[in-house]
């Protein structure tokens, strides 16, 4: 609870108005809103951005973010261990834990908090090379207007994660996470992860049924 309140305290002052692939009727699939990429496509852009772009004018690190097909740079605002807070010039704020998005603001539908039952399997991608691993988390979602009818707290997310080496580079794993939620539909997330140290190079992730796909490309090295 203290961690959740602390995250809310960081995000709520920055709330503004404002998708891993989605497999339920009426919403676009990931391939329709984000370019379908292979490891070769990702590798051609890494390291990304250029040395001049990696550090913003105030010295902070930046990453590349896509909301649907729109691309932004997001500047690092705050860092505490593996948790980081990023902000785009348009006011979108993204909280990450390692390479996973755990909260957002500035979108029409906001991911307010993420809580895993046990460790996040993405933290040990090598263990995902065998049979699919099951994982469960709870998320809190909220509409941008913050009206009570748009608040959905304690939404259960049931997932199966499985990794495999990419054909172009066996040292990079593609982790596929297939999930279903209570009342929010089904979706599939994808993560390109280094096998040696578990660093997430690219993440494509669902962050709410009412918003576009979210994709991130990282250039930082996670804290040890």
Protein backbone atom coordinates (compact mmCIF):
# COMPACT_ATOMS: atom_id res chain seq x y z
CA UNK A 1 0.00 0.00 0.00
CA UNK A 2 2.77 2.59 0.75
CA UNK A 3 4.37 1.88 -2.63
CA UNK A 4 1.01 2.31 -4.36
CA UNK A 5 0.36 5.61 -2.58
CA UNK A 6 3.85 6.83 -3.42
CA UNK A 7 3.32 6.04 -7.11
CA UNK A 8 -0.04 7.81 -7.09
CA UNK A 9 1.58 10.81 -5.43
CA UNK A 10 4.15 10.95 -8.24
CA UNK A 11 1.64 10.51 -11.04
CA UNK A 12 -1.45 12.48 -10.00
CA UNK A 13 0.17 15.94 -10.16
CA UNK A 14 1.21 15.13 -13.72
CA UNK A 15 -2.14 13.76 -14.94
CA UNK A 16 -3.24 15.23 -18.21
CA UNK A 17 -5.94 14.64 -20.77
CA UNK A 18 -5.17 12.63 -23.48
CA UNK A 19 -1.42 -1.00 -26.83
CA UNK A 20 0.38 -4.38 -26.93
CA UNK A 21 -1.74 -6.31 -29.32
CA UNK A 22 -5.42 -6.59 -28.63
CA UNK A 23 -7.44 -9.61 -29.66
CA UNK A 24 -10.98 -8.69 -28.72
CA UNK A 25 -13.73 -7.47 -31.08
CA UNK A 26 -13.92 -3.80 -31.95
CA UNK A 27 -10.34 -2.88 -31.05
CA UNK A 28 -7.35 -2.89 -33.44
CA UNK A 29 -4.73 -5.60 -33.32
CA UNK A 30 -1.16 -4.60 -32.57
CA UNK A 31 -0.06 -5.10 -36.17
CA UNK A 32 -2.59 -2.54 -37.31
CA UNK A 33 -1.36 0.23 -35.02
CA UNK A 34 2.33 -0.57 -34.53
CA UNK A 35 4.83 -1.70 -37.15
CA UNK A 36 5.50 -5.44 -36.82
CA UNK A 37 9.21 -5.66 -36.05
CA UNK A 38 11.77 -8.45 -35.85
CA UNK A 39 14.97 -8.48 -33.83
CA UNK A 40 16.80 -7.31 -36.96
CA UNK A 41 14.54 -4.25 -37.11
CA UNK A 42 15.18 -3.52 -33.44
CA UNK A 43 18.93 -4.06 -33.77
CA UNK A 44 19.16 -1.59 -36.62
CA UNK A 45 17.88 1.11 -34.27
CA UNK A 46 20.07 0.20 -31.29
CA UNK A 47 21.76 1.92 -29.68
CA UNK A 48 19.02 4.52 -30.04
CA UNK A 49 18.84 7.50 -29.99
CA UNK A 50 22.12 8.97 -31.20
CA UNK A 51 24.67 10.17 -28.66
CA UNK A 52 23.32 13.70 -29.06
CA UNK A 53 19.77 12.54 -28.42
CA UNK A 54 20.50 10.13 -25.57
CA UNK A 55 20.79 12.99 -23.10
CA UNK A 56 18.29 15.82 -22.99
CA UNK A 57 19.23 19.47 -22.59
CA UNK A 58 19.09 19.16 -18.79
CA UNK A 59 21.28 16.05 -18.76
CA UNK A 60 18.52 13.46 -18.29
CA UNK A 61 18.31 10.16 -20.16
CA UNK A 62 15.67 9.65 -22.84
CA UNK A 63 13.92 6.67 -24.45
CA UNK A 64 11.81 6.34 -27.60
CA UNK A 65 8.06 5.83 -27.06
CA UNK A 66 5.27 5.05 -29.52
CA UNK A 67 1.61 5.64 -28.71
CA UNK A 68 -0.07 3.88 -31.61
CA UNK A 69 1.95 5.10 -34.60
CA UNK A 70 2.98 8.39 -33.00
CA UNK A 71 6.59 8.51 -31.80
CA UNK A 72 7.99 10.60 -28.95
CA UNK A 73 11.10 10.97 -26.84
CA UNK A 74 10.48 10.53 -23.12
CA UNK A 75 12.85 12.16 -20.61
CA UNK A 76 13.82 10.48 -17.35
CA UNK A 77 12.28 12.44 -14.46
CA UNK A 78 12.94 10.18 -11.49
CA UNK A 79 14.80 6.95 -10.72
CA UNK A 80 14.62 4.68 -7.68
CA UNK A 81 16.25 1.29 -8.15
CA UNK A 82 14.65 -0.38 -11.18
CA UNK A 83 11.70 2.03 -11.08
CA UNK A 84 11.82 5.00 -13.42
CA UNK A 85 9.47 7.82 -14.33
CA UNK A 86 9.52 9.21 -17.90
CA UNK A 87 7.70 12.14 -19.52
CA UNK A 88 7.16 13.07 -23.18
CA UNK A 89 7.01 16.70 -24.36
CA UNK A 90 3.27 16.23 -24.91
CA UNK A 91 2.74 15.43 -21.22
CA UNK A 92 2.45 11.63 -21.29
CA UNK A 93 4.02 10.15 -18.15
CA UNK A 94 5.15 6.51 -18.01
CA UNK A 95 6.36 4.61 -14.95
CA UNK A 96 8.49 1.53 -15.67
CA UNK A 97 9.87 -1.21 -13.45
CA UNK A 98 12.76 -2.65 -15.41
CA UNK A 99 11.32 -2.89 -18.91
CA UNK A 100 7.67 -3.25 -17.91
CA UNK A 101 5.23 -0.34 -17.90
CA UNK A 102 3.52 -0.30 -14.49
CA UNK A 103 1.65 3.04 -14.62
CA UNK A 104 0.78 5.82 -17.06
CA UNK A 105 -0.86 9.24 -17.11
CA UNK A 106 -1.73 11.72 -19.83
CA UNK A 107 -3.66 9.13 -21.87
CA UNK A 108 -7.42 8.75 -22.23
CA UNK A 109 -7.30 5.57 -20.15
CA UNK A 110 -4.60 5.44 -17.49
CA UNK A 111 -2.84 2.52 -15.84
CA UNK A 112 -2.70 3.77 -12.26
CA UNK A 113 -0.94 0.84 -10.55
CA UNK A 114 0.34 -2.72 -11.10
CA UNK A 115 0.76 -5.34 -8.37
CA UNK A 116 2.11 -8.86 -9.03
CA UNK A 117 1.29 -11.99 -7.03
CA UNK A 118 4.91 -12.95 -6.49
CA UNK A 119 7.87 -11.88 -8.66
CA UNK A 120 7.40 -10.67 -12.23
CA UNK A 121 8.52 -13.58 -14.50
CA UNK A 122 10.03 -11.01 -16.86
CA UNK A 123 12.77 -10.47 -14.26
CA UNK A 124 14.15 -13.96 -15.07
CA UNK A 125 13.67 -14.36 -18.84
CA UNK A 126 15.91 -17.44 -18.98
CA UNK A 127 13.30 -19.38 -17.01
CA UNK A 128 10.75 -18.71 -19.75
CA UNK A 129 12.46 -20.84 -22.42
CA UNK A 130 10.58 -23.99 -21.46
CA UNK A 131 6.83 -24.43 -21.02
CA UNK A 132 4.74 -21.29 -20.62
CA UNK A 133 4.88 -19.75 -17.15
CA UNK A 134 1.70 -18.48 -15.55
CA UNK A 135 1.57 -15.17 -13.71
CA UNK A 136 -1.15 -13.07 -12.12
CA UNK A 137 -1.26 -9.38 -11.35
CA UNK A 138 -3.80 -6.79 -10.32
CA UNK A 139 -4.06 -3.44 -12.07
CA UNK A 140 -5.93 -0.24 -11.36
CA UNK A 141 -7.31 1.71 -14.34
CA UNK A 142 -8.83 5.17 -14.53
CA UNK A 143 -10.30 7.43 -17.22
CA UNK A 144 -8.52 10.75 -17.79
CA UNK A 145 -11.46 12.71 -16.38
CA UNK A 146 -11.09 10.80 -13.08
CA UNK A 147 -14.83 10.39 -12.75
CA UNK A 148 -15.85 7.55 -10.38
CA UNK A 149 -17.60 5.56 -13.13
CA UNK A 150 -14.33 5.35 -15.06
CA UNK A 151 -12.31 3.93 -12.15
CA UNK A 152 -11.63 0.17 -12.20
CA UNK A 153 -9.56 -0.97 -9.24
CA UNK A 154 -8.24 -4.46 -8.60
CA UNK A 155 -8.67 -5.73 -12.17
CA UNK A 156 -7.28 -9.27 -12.32
CA UNK A 157 -4.85 -10.00 -15.18
CA UNK A 158 -4.02 -13.69 -15.83
CA UNK A 159 -1.04 -14.27 -18.15
CA UNK A 160 1.11 -16.97 -19.72
CA UNK A 161 4.68 -16.02 -20.63
CA UNK A 162 7.04 -17.91 -22.92
CA UNK A 163 10.37 -16.94 -24.41
CA UNK A 164 12.37 -18.09 -27.41
CA UNK A 165 15.66 -16.97 -28.96
CA UNK A 166 15.26 -14.68 -31.93
CA UNK A 167 16.40 -16.21 -35.21
CA UNK A 168 18.71 -13.30 -36.01
CA UNK A 169 20.40 -13.17 -32.60
CA UNK A 170 20.07 -16.12 -30.17
CA UNK A 171 21.45 -13.92 -27.39
CA UNK A 172 18.22 -11.92 -27.54
CA UNK A 173 14.97 -13.54 -26.43
CA UNK A 174 11.49 -12.64 -27.59
CA UNK A 175 9.15 -13.04 -24.62
CA UNK A 176 5.47 -13.29 -25.54
CA UNK A 177 2.95 -12.62 -22.78
CA UNK A 178 -0.67 -13.62 -23.52
CA UNK A 179 -3.15 -12.22 -21.03
CA UNK A 180 -6.83 -12.09 -20.22
CA UNK A 181 -8.51 -9.69 -17.85
CA UNK A 182 -11.72 -9.42 -15.92
CA UNK A 183 -13.87 -7.08 -17.99
CA UNK A 184 -11.04 -5.52 -20.04
CA UNK A 185 -10.57 -8.16 -22.75
CA UNK A 186 -7.56 -10.17 -23.95
CA UNK A 187 -4.21 -8.90 -25.19
CA UNK A 188 -0.66 -9.95 -26.04
CA UNK A 189 2.51 -8.16 -24.92
CA UNK A 190 5.96 -8.67 -26.46
CA UNK A 191 9.40 -8.00 -24.99
CA UNK A 192 12.84 -8.27 -26.60
CA UNK A 193 15.20 -9.20 -23.75
CA UNK A 194 18.93 -9.93 -23.55
CA UNK A 195 19.42 -13.52 -22.40
CA UNK A 196 22.56 -12.75 -20.39
CA UNK A 197 21.26 -10.07 -18.03
CA UNK A 198 17.52 -9.72 -18.72
CA UNK A 199 17.76 -6.16 -20.05
CA UNK A 200 14.60 -5.26 -21.96
CA UNK A 201 15.54 -3.65 -25.29
CA UNK A 202 12.01 -3.13 -26.59
CA UNK A 203 8.58 -3.56 -25.01
CA UNK A 204 5.16 -3.57 -26.66
CA UNK A 205 2.49 -3.46 -24.00
CA UNK A 206 -1.23 -3.05 -23.38
CA UNK A 207 -1.92 -0.23 -20.91
CA UNK A 208 -5.72 -0.07 -21.11
CA UNK A 209 -8.56 -1.09 -23.41
CA UNK A 210 -9.42 2.49 -24.42
CA UNK A 211 -5.97 3.67 -25.56
CA UNK A 212 -3.57 2.81 -28.41
CA UNK A 213 -0.72 0.35 -28.14
CA UNK A 214 2.33 1.52 -26.20
CA UNK A 215 5.84 0.59 -27.34
CA UNK A 216 9.14 1.60 -25.77
CA UNK A 217 12.75 1.25 -26.89
CA UNK A 218 15.33 1.52 -24.13
CA UNK A 219 18.96 2.58 -24.28
CA UNK A 220 19.80 2.62 -20.58
CA UNK A 221 21.38 -0.22 -18.61
CA UNK A 222 19.15 -1.27 -15.69
CA UNK A 223 20.60 -0.81 -12.23
CA UNK A 224 22.20 -3.92 -10.75
